[in-house]
């Protein structure tokens, strides 16, 4: 009975989180005071188009209905929630008449491939080195690595991305400046095409790894130092167990539990993309199209992009909540 109650409470929080997040995403663009339809028609008139006032009003009403912007905020919200359950976000303004969801689906594989590998590499490397450095925290090399990682983590993300662009595309031209694949080349499973994909993704991935590896290292080192002072670790040392066994089985293994939770949340954030990196390198992922949607007031594309992230993060947290008692015996289903 306690297990059912535990699962039901987590599912209830999961549903409430998604509903609140979706509502916020719906409201925020409309608080800007900008009407995308009026902006479109204004641009047309600037370029010399002329419309009779009646025709203009008919076009205004038709476009607002098409983009889900007709009626009061509450009417728009009810219509939006109805369409949300069938995955219909309406057409994109910047790529009319392409549905916003189709644009997100096209960009999603690029973001998934880039971020999943980058996050996993940074997580494994940061936790592995951070756990060892935490156990040998009194050594000089541990102090040196800590200073190095803190310095790397302190550098703003966009500065790192720009430095990589200058260094490896201008000074040492080893990698392409922008894009996710060679222009005009048909996708295939050939080794040549795969190597081209890796070359285009290397700099964006490196900027992400450098950003996250410092955080994972610092947090893992701090938790390893805290775990190292626990009684069961001291008892293992008094039992004269091998240091390698104590480090991996007693210290690193227990310090990893909070890091697993952090990884699940970060993996959920994959669906939102990394806006700065994808914009700097013109990488065709979710972050890049979200940037284009924001600067063009494309409400439908903004909602289609961000709601993926909301659902992914909420789902990852739900999964980790349900399996955490199986990983950590100190937690029970109650």
Foldseek 3Di string as FASTA:
>chain_A
DLLVVLLVVLVVVLVVLLVVVLVCLLVVLVVVVDDLLVVVVVVVVVVPDDDDPVRSVVSSQVVCVQQLNDDDSVSSVVVCVVVVVVPFLGAWPVDPPHTLLVLQVVQAVLLLVLQVVLLVVLLVLLLVLLLVLLLVVVDPVSVVVLVVLVVLQPPDLLVLLVVLLCVDCPVNPPADQAEQFDPPDDDDPDPVRVVRNCRLSVSLSVSSSSNRNSVSSVQNSVQLNVQCPDPVLVVCVVVVDDPVCSSPPRRSLVSCLVVVLVSLLSSLQSLLGDQSSCCRRVYSHLNVVCVVCVVSSGSSNVSSSVSSSSSSNSVSNSVCSSCVCVSDVVDDSD
